[in-house]
């Protein structure tokens, strides 16, 4: 039974071909494309309003140099949110429950922010490793600690997204299994458990959106330190 709970996180394959690429590419086909008419429909208008509000909120603390990342951040936000939401549907696979995919997104983007800081303002970028006013005996220790914390950032990005989605999916499956087991024996308890399952599903929808936002927000904060 415990093994079957984790089968949902196994990458699906067909004829020995991994289907994770299809799961990653599918969300892009669901996004509405702007028509050639002057007036957009309600869906396009809502999508445009959401992306504009998100981009303005995200890039407000950044200077003009950081605004070049607007398209990347908005696309990543919509991409992660769509994948997380689709993963809540029955008989679907959530690619963002795979640590390898999340690290593949986190490491290059974090490394890009570090490289930009080293190239544009190396003194300020290296100055983050040593807080101002540090006593001389503590300088080597603090430099080591800050360096370790710097390299832990991409790991924290990937693990946070993976852990939150994996825990939510496991909890939903556990409660759904309890509902099916309790239904023949204790219908009243099963109905109450089903209500809890419904509320948990709503919570997981919120978590799917919030985790996508947190992932991009932390990247913007890392960028803010280096531009």
C-alpha atoms as a PDB file:
ATOM      1  CA  UNK A   1       0.000   0.000   0.000  1.00  0.00           C
ATOM      2  CA  UNK A   2       2.764   2.442   0.896  1.00  0.00           C
ATOM      3  CA  UNK A   3       4.545   1.766  -2.390  1.00  0.00           C
ATOM      4  CA  UNK A   4       1.395   2.553  -4.387  1.00  0.00           C
ATOM      5  CA  UNK A   5       1.132   5.956  -2.712  1.00  0.00           C
ATOM      6  CA  UNK A   6       4.431   6.982  -4.281  1.00  0.00           C
ATOM      7  CA  UNK A   7       3.698   5.510  -7.694  1.00  0.00           C
ATOM      8  CA  UNK A   8       1.997   8.760  -8.694  1.00  0.00           C
ATOM      9  CA  UNK A   9       5.379  10.508  -8.560  1.00  0.00           C
ATOM     10  CA  UNK A  10       7.057   8.072 -10.953  1.00  0.00           C
ATOM     11  CA  UNK A  11       7.740   9.559 -14.372  1.00  0.00           C
ATOM     12  CA  UNK A  12       5.305   7.932 -16.835  1.00  0.00           C
ATOM     13  CA  UNK A  13       6.608   6.251 -19.963  1.00  0.00           C
ATOM     14  CA  UNK A  14       5.107   4.765 -23.117  1.00  0.00           C
ATOM     15  CA  UNK A  15       7.008   2.071 -25.007  1.00  0.00           C
ATOM     16  CA  UNK A  16      10.046   2.946 -22.933  1.00  0.00           C
ATOM     17  CA  UNK A  17       9.848   6.663 -23.883  1.00  0.00           C
ATOM     18  CA  UNK A  18       9.522   9.085 -20.918  1.00  0.00           C
ATOM     19  CA  UNK A  19       6.411  11.215 -21.221  1.00  0.00           C
ATOM     20  CA  UNK A  20       7.627  13.977 -18.922  1.00  0.00           C
ATOM     21  CA  UNK A  21       8.455  16.071 -22.003  1.00  0.00           C
ATOM     22  CA  UNK A  22       4.804  15.856 -23.072  1.00  0.00           C
ATOM     23  CA  UNK A  23       3.672  16.817 -19.565  1.00  0.00           C
ATOM     24  CA  UNK A  24       5.958  19.858 -19.667  1.00  0.00           C
ATOM     25  CA  UNK A  25       4.957  20.941 -23.179  1.00  0.00           C
ATOM     26  CA  UNK A  26       1.197  20.426 -22.768  1.00  0.00           C
ATOM     27  CA  UNK A  27       0.499  23.568 -20.667  1.00  0.00           C
ATOM     28  CA  UNK A  28       1.805  25.833 -23.431  1.00  0.00           C
ATOM     29  CA  UNK A  29      -0.911  24.542 -25.790  1.00  0.00           C
ATOM     30  CA  UNK A  30      -3.633  25.544 -23.325  1.00  0.00           C
ATOM     31  CA  UNK A  31      -2.766  29.229 -23.171  1.00  0.00           C
ATOM     32  CA  UNK A  32      -5.067  31.422 -25.296  1.00  0.00           C
ATOM     33  CA  UNK A  33      -3.340  33.353 -28.070  1.00  0.00           C
ATOM     34  CA  UNK A  34      -4.285  36.981 -28.762  1.00  0.00           C
ATOM     35  CA  UNK A  35      -6.460  37.323 -31.868  1.00  0.00           C
ATOM     36  CA  UNK A  36      -5.824  39.741 -34.701  1.00  0.00           C
ATOM     37  CA  UNK A  37      -8.918  41.768 -33.835  1.00  0.00           C
ATOM     38  CA  UNK A  38      -8.770  45.088 -32.007  1.00  0.00           C
ATOM     39  CA  UNK A  39     -10.977  43.890 -29.148  1.00  0.00           C
ATOM     40  CA  UNK A  40      -9.910  40.848 -27.133  1.00  0.00           C
ATOM     41  CA  UNK A  41     -12.279  38.357 -25.553  1.00  0.00           C
ATOM     42  CA  UNK A  42     -12.770  38.072 -21.803  1.00  0.00           C
ATOM     43  CA  UNK A  43     -10.235  35.279 -21.356  1.00  0.00           C
ATOM     44  CA  UNK A  44      -7.459  37.174 -23.132  1.00  0.00           C
ATOM     45  CA  UNK A  45      -8.329  40.329 -21.206  1.00  0.00           C
ATOM     46  CA  UNK A  46      -8.213  38.480 -17.875  1.00  0.00           C
ATOM     47  CA  UNK A  47      -4.913  36.816 -18.756  1.00  0.00           C
ATOM     48  CA  UNK A  48      -3.360  40.119 -19.817  1.00  0.00           C
ATOM     49  CA  UNK A  49      -4.566  41.872 -16.670  1.00  0.00           C
ATOM     50  CA  UNK A  50      -3.177  39.114 -14.428  1.00  0.00           C
ATOM     51  CA  UNK A  51       0.230  39.072 -16.118  1.00  0.00           C
ATOM     52  CA  UNK A  52       0.489  42.875 -16.034  1.00  0.00           C
ATOM     53  CA  UNK A  53      -0.420  43.059 -12.347  1.00  0.00           C
ATOM     54  CA  UNK A  54       1.982  40.267 -11.455  1.00  0.00           C
ATOM     55  CA  UNK A  55       4.833  41.799 -13.466  1.00  0.00           C
ATOM     56  CA  UNK A  56       4.330  45.259 -11.968  1.00  0.00           C
ATOM     57  CA  UNK A  57       4.250  43.851  -8.430  1.00  0.00           C
ATOM     58  CA  UNK A  58       7.303  41.666  -8.996  1.00  0.00           C
ATOM     59  CA  UNK A  59       9.513  44.224 -10.703  1.00  0.00           C
ATOM     60  CA  UNK A  60       8.605  47.209  -8.534  1.00  0.00           C
ATOM     61  CA  UNK A  61      11.650  46.836  -6.207  1.00  0.00           C
ATOM     62  CA  UNK A  62      14.053  46.305  -9.155  1.00  0.00           C
ATOM     63  CA  UNK A  63      15.840  49.004 -11.084  1.00  0.00           C
ATOM     64  CA  UNK A  64      15.637  49.401 -14.847  1.00  0.00           C
ATOM     65  CA  UNK A  65      18.345  46.804 -15.462  1.00  0.00           C
ATOM     66  CA  UNK A  66      16.259  44.114 -13.792  1.00  0.00           C
ATOM     67  CA  UNK A  67      13.215  44.840 -15.976  1.00  0.00           C
ATOM     68  CA  UNK A  68      14.831  42.811 -18.760  1.00  0.00           C
ATOM     69  CA  UNK A  69      13.794  39.720 -16.791  1.00  0.00           C
ATOM     70  CA  UNK A  70      10.086  40.604 -16.931  1.00  0.00           C
ATOM     71  CA  UNK A  71       9.251  38.243 -19.805  1.00  0.00           C
ATOM     72  CA  UNK A  72      11.208  35.367 -18.256  1.00  0.00           C
ATOM     73  CA  UNK A  73       9.636  35.783 -14.814  1.00  0.00           C
ATOM     74  CA  UNK A  74       6.093  36.139 -16.159  1.00  0.00           C
ATOM     75  CA  UNK A  75       6.487  33.103 -18.425  1.00  0.00           C
ATOM     76  CA  UNK A  76       7.994  31.011 -15.612  1.00  0.00           C
ATOM     77  CA  UNK A  77       5.218  32.030 -13.232  1.00  0.00           C
ATOM     78  CA  UNK A  78       2.425  31.087 -15.660  1.00  0.00           C
ATOM     79  CA  UNK A  79       4.242  27.871 -16.622  1.00  0.00           C
ATOM     80  CA  UNK A  80       4.732  26.659 -13.040  1.00  0.00           C
ATOM     81  CA  UNK A  81       1.233  27.653 -12.002  1.00  0.00           C
ATOM     82  CA  UNK A  82      -0.342  25.797 -14.934  1.00  0.00           C
ATOM     83  CA  UNK A  83       1.704  22.635 -14.327  1.00  0.00           C
ATOM     84  CA  UNK A  84       0.875  22.670 -10.606  1.00  0.00           C
ATOM     85  CA  UNK A  85      -2.837  23.177 -11.244  1.00  0.00           C
ATOM     86  CA  UNK A  86      -3.036  20.477 -13.934  1.00  0.00           C
ATOM     87  CA  UNK A  87      -1.325  18.060 -11.569  1.00  0.00           C
ATOM     88  CA  UNK A  88      -4.334  18.223  -9.246  1.00  0.00           C
ATOM     89  CA  UNK A  89      -6.572  16.627 -11.879  1.00  0.00           C
ATOM     90  CA  UNK A  90      -7.163  12.856 -11.621  1.00  0.00           C
ATOM     91  CA  UNK A  91      -4.882  10.531 -13.595  1.00  0.00           C
ATOM     92  CA  UNK A  92      -2.364  13.270 -14.346  1.00  0.00           C
ATOM     93  CA  UNK A  93       1.351  13.624 -13.690  1.00  0.00           C
ATOM     94  CA  UNK A  94       2.884  16.670 -12.011  1.00  0.00           C
ATOM     95  CA  UNK A  95       6.404  17.317 -13.364  1.00  0.00           C
ATOM     96  CA  UNK A  96       7.148  19.789 -10.568  1.00  0.00           C
ATOM     97  CA  UNK A  97       7.070  16.947  -8.021  1.00  0.00           C
ATOM     98  CA  UNK A  98      10.382  15.833  -9.566  1.00  0.00           C
ATOM     99  CA  UNK A  99      13.368  17.395  -7.815  1.00  0.00           C
ATOM    100  CA  UNK A 100      15.468  17.054 -10.974  1.00  0.00           C
ATOM    101  CA  UNK A 101      13.124  19.341 -12.936  1.00  0.00           C
ATOM    102  CA  UNK A 102      12.910  21.941 -10.173  1.00  0.00           C
ATOM    103  CA  UNK A 103      16.679  21.972  -9.737  1.00  0.00           C
ATOM    104  CA  UNK A 104      17.044  22.258 -13.503  1.00  0.00           C
ATOM    105  CA  UNK A 105      15.001  25.454 -13.300  1.00  0.00           C
ATOM    106  CA  UNK A 106      16.481  26.819 -10.073  1.00  0.00           C
ATOM    107  CA  UNK A 107      20.226  26.314 -10.622  1.00  0.00           C
ATOM    108  CA  UNK A 108      20.622  28.052 -14.034  1.00  0.00           C
ATOM    109  CA  UNK A 109      18.420  31.013 -13.053  1.00  0.00           C
ATOM    110  CA  UNK A 110      20.165  31.460  -9.696  1.00  0.00           C
ATOM    111  CA  UNK A 111      23.559  31.136 -11.387  1.00  0.00           C
ATOM    112  CA  UNK A 112      22.533  33.772 -13.938  1.00  0.00           C
ATOM    113  CA  UNK A 113      21.760  36.258 -11.159  1.00  0.00           C
ATOM    114  CA  UNK A 114      25.126  35.566  -9.517  1.00  0.00           C
ATOM    115  CA  UNK A 115      27.018  35.959 -12.799  1.00  0.00           C
ATOM    116  CA  UNK A 116      25.225  39.239 -13.520  1.00  0.00           C
ATOM    117  CA  UNK A 117      26.229  40.550 -10.096  1.00  0.00           C
ATOM    118  CA  UNK A 118      29.852  39.482 -10.522  1.00  0.00           C
ATOM    119  CA  UNK A 119      30.023  41.068 -13.968  1.00  0.00           C
ATOM    120  CA  UNK A 120      28.254  44.373 -13.295  1.00  0.00           C
ATOM    121  CA  UNK A 121      29.223  45.127  -9.682  1.00  0.00           C
ATOM    122  CA  UNK A 122      31.740  42.603  -8.346  1.00  0.00           C
ATOM    123  CA  UNK A 123      32.570  44.638  -5.240  1.00  0.00           C
ATOM    124  CA  UNK A 124      28.939  44.830  -4.115  1.00  0.00           C
ATOM    125  CA  UNK A 125      28.320  41.169  -4.982  1.00  0.00           C
ATOM    126  CA  UNK A 126      31.299  40.020  -2.951  1.00  0.00           C
ATOM    127  CA  UNK A 127      30.374  42.467  -0.188  1.00  0.00           C
ATOM    128  CA  UNK A 128      27.268  40.396   0.558  1.00  0.00           C
ATOM    129  CA  UNK A 129      29.580  37.684   1.862  1.00  0.00           C
ATOM    130  CA  UNK A 130      30.800  39.909   4.706  1.00  0.00           C
ATOM    131  CA  UNK A 131      28.357  42.114   6.676  1.00  0.00           C
ATOM    132  CA  UNK A 132      29.590  45.594   7.522  1.00  0.00           C
ATOM    133  CA  UNK A 133      31.062  46.033  10.984  1.00  0.00           C
ATOM    134  CA  UNK A 134      31.994  42.394  11.477  1.00  0.00           C
ATOM    135  CA  UNK A 135      34.689  41.826  14.157  1.00  0.00           C
ATOM    136  CA  UNK A 136      38.010  40.745  12.693  1.00  0.00           C
ATOM    137  CA  UNK A 137      38.125  37.294  14.403  1.00  0.00           C
ATOM    138  CA  UNK A 138      34.724  36.418  12.928  1.00  0.00           C
ATOM    139  CA  UNK A 139      35.533  37.411   9.342  1.00  0.00           C
ATOM    140  CA  UNK A 140      36.704  33.950   8.109  1.00  0.00           C
ATOM    141  CA  UNK A 141      33.792  32.164   9.776  1.00  0.00           C
ATOM    142  CA  UNK A 142      31.183  34.579   8.408  1.00  0.00           C
ATOM    143  CA  UNK A 143      32.610  34.398   4.894  1.00  0.00           C
ATOM    144  CA  UNK A 144      32.342  30.587   4.978  1.00  0.00           C
ATOM    145  CA  UNK A 145      28.787  30.728   6.363  1.00  0.00           C
ATOM    146  CA  UNK A 146      27.621  33.306   3.805  1.00  0.00           C
ATOM    147  CA  UNK A 147      29.223  31.349   0.977  1.00  0.00           C
ATOM    148  CA  UNK A 148      27.454  28.177   2.058  1.00  0.00           C
ATOM    149  CA  UNK A 149      24.146  30.040   2.340  1.00  0.00           C
ATOM    150  CA  UNK A 150      24.680  31.431  -1.157  1.00  0.00           C
ATOM    151  CA  UNK A 151      25.139  27.992  -2.676  1.00  0.00           C
ATOM    152  CA  UNK A 152      22.189  26.578  -0.710  1.00  0.00           C
ATOM    153  CA  UNK A 153      19.768  29.012  -2.371  1.00  0.00           C
ATOM    154  CA  UNK A 154      19.068  26.981  -5.538  1.00  0.00           C
ATOM    155  CA  UNK A 155      18.728  23.811  -3.456  1.00  0.00           C
ATOM    156  CA  UNK A 156      16.185  25.559  -1.226  1.00  0.00           C
ATOM    157  CA  UNK A 157      14.258  26.747  -4.289  1.00  0.00           C
ATOM    158  CA  UNK A 158      13.967  23.282  -5.781  1.00  0.00           C
ATOM    159  CA  UNK A 159      13.346  21.397  -2.525  1.00  0.00           C
ATOM    160  CA  UNK A 160      10.673  23.872  -1.359  1.00  0.00           C
ATOM    161  CA  UNK A 161       8.624  23.476  -4.524  1.00  0.00           C
ATOM    162  CA  UNK A 162       9.061  19.690  -4.615  1.00  0.00           C
ATOM    163  CA  UNK A 163       8.298  19.133  -0.928  1.00  0.00           C
ATOM    164  CA  UNK A 164       5.158  21.270  -0.827  1.00  0.00           C
ATOM    165  CA  UNK A 165       3.595  19.685  -3.906  1.00  0.00           C
ATOM    166  CA  UNK A 166       4.609  16.153  -2.938  1.00  0.00           C
ATOM    167  CA  UNK A 167       3.205  16.521   0.581  1.00  0.00           C
ATOM    168  CA  UNK A 168      -0.062  17.897  -0.754  1.00  0.00           C
ATOM    169  CA  UNK A 169      -0.507  15.084  -3.275  1.00  0.00           C
ATOM    170  CA  UNK A 170       0.276  12.433  -0.663  1.00  0.00           C
ATOM    171  CA  UNK A 171      -2.172  13.943   1.819  1.00  0.00           C
ATOM    172  CA  UNK A 172      -4.936  14.071  -0.795  1.00  0.00           C
ATOM    173  CA  UNK A 173      -4.353  10.433  -1.727  1.00  0.00           C
ATOM    174  CA  UNK A 174      -4.296   9.305   1.905  1.00  0.00           C
ATOM    175  CA  UNK A 175      -7.581  11.053   2.720  1.00  0.00           C
ATOM    176  CA  UNK A 176      -9.209   9.834  -0.519  1.00  0.00           C
ATOM    177  CA  UNK A 177      -8.195   6.276   0.370  1.00  0.00           C
ATOM    178  CA  UNK A 178      -9.691   6.726   3.838  1.00  0.00           C
ATOM    179  CA  UNK A 179     -12.986   7.895   2.290  1.00  0.00           C
ATOM    180  CA  UNK A 180     -13.255   4.761   0.122  1.00  0.00           C
ATOM    181  CA  UNK A 181     -12.370   2.486   3.037  1.00  0.00           C
ATOM    182  CA  UNK A 182     -14.800   4.117   5.496  1.00  0.00           C
ATOM    183  CA  UNK A 183     -17.741   4.474   3.094  1.00  0.00           C
ATOM    184  CA  UNK A 184     -19.122   0.891   3.480  1.00  0.00           C
ATOM    185  CA  UNK A 185     -18.510   0.746   7.238  1.00  0.00           C
ATOM    186  CA  UNK A 186     -19.177   4.289   8.534  1.00  0.00           C
ATOM    187  CA  UNK A 187     -20.955   6.427   5.913  1.00  0.00           C
ATOM    188  CA  UNK A 188     -21.272   9.459   8.203  1.00  0.00           C
ATOM    189  CA  UNK A 189     -17.559   9.534   8.962  1.00  0.00           C
ATOM    190  CA  UNK A 190     -16.812   8.967   5.282  1.00  0.00           C
ATOM    191  CA  UNK A 191     -18.950  11.985   4.310  1.00  0.00           C
ATOM    192  CA  UNK A 192     -17.197  14.175   6.861  1.00  0.00           C
ATOM    193  CA  UNK A 193     -13.857  12.943   5.572  1.00  0.00           C
ATOM    194  CA  UNK A 194     -14.966  13.738   2.015  1.00  0.00           C
ATOM    195  CA  UNK A 195     -15.749  17.305   3.116  1.00  0.00           C
ATOM    196  CA  UNK A 196     -12.243  17.543   4.576  1.00  0.00           C
ATOM    197  CA  UNK A 197     -10.893  16.202   1.279  1.00  0.00           C
ATOM    198  CA  UNK A 198     -12.770  18.869  -0.665  1.00  0.00           C
ATOM    199  CA  UNK A 199     -11.428  21.631   1.580  1.00  0.00           C
ATOM    200  CA  UNK A 200      -7.921  20.186   1.292  1.00  0.00           C
ATOM    201  CA  UNK A 201      -8.227  20.198  -2.491  1.00  0.00           C
ATOM    202  CA  UNK A 202      -9.121  23.886  -2.403  1.00  0.00           C
ATOM    203  CA  UNK A 203      -6.099  24.459  -0.169  1.00  0.00           C
ATOM    204  CA  UNK A 204      -3.870  22.589  -2.613  1.00  0.00           C
ATOM    205  CA  UNK A 205      -5.128  24.782  -5.455  1.00  0.00           C
ATOM    206  CA  UNK A 206      -4.010  27.798  -3.445  1.00  0.00           C
ATOM    207  CA  UNK A 207      -0.690  26.107  -2.617  1.00  0.00           C
ATOM    208  CA  UNK A 208      -0.120  25.360  -6.322  1.00  0.00           C
ATOM    209  CA  UNK A 209      -0.472  29.053  -7.155  1.00  0.00           C
ATOM    210  CA  UNK A 210       1.412  30.337  -4.115  1.00  0.00           C
ATOM    211  CA  UNK A 211       4.412  28.041  -4.624  1.00  0.00           C
ATOM    212  CA  UNK A 212       4.761  29.156  -8.238  1.00  0.00           C
ATOM    213  CA  UNK A 213       4.661  32.779  -7.068  1.00  0.00           C
ATOM    214  CA  UNK A 214       7.166  32.149  -4.245  1.00  0.00           C
ATOM    215  CA  UNK A 215       9.584  30.440  -6.646  1.00  0.00           C
ATOM    216  CA  UNK A 216       9.613  33.453  -8.986  1.00  0.00           C
ATOM    217  CA  UNK A 217       9.559  35.960  -6.124  1.00  0.00           C
ATOM    218  CA  UNK A 218      12.699  34.506  -4.549  1.00  0.00           C
ATOM    219  CA  UNK A 219      14.443  34.593  -7.916  1.00  0.00           C
ATOM    220  CA  UNK A 220      13.539  38.278  -8.224  1.00  0.00           C
ATOM    221  CA  UNK A 221      14.961  38.923  -4.746  1.00  0.00           C
ATOM    222  CA  UNK A 222      18.201  37.205  -5.734  1.00  0.00           C
ATOM    223  CA  UNK A 223      18.265  39.353  -8.861  1.00  0.00           C
ATOM    224  CA  UNK A 224      17.618  42.473  -6.813  1.00  0.00           C
ATOM    225  CA  UNK A 225      20.836  41.886  -4.870  1.00  0.00           C
ATOM    226  CA  UNK A 226      22.891  41.759  -8.063  1.00  0.00           C
ATOM    227  CA  UNK A 227      21.527  44.516 -10.309  1.00  0.00           C
END
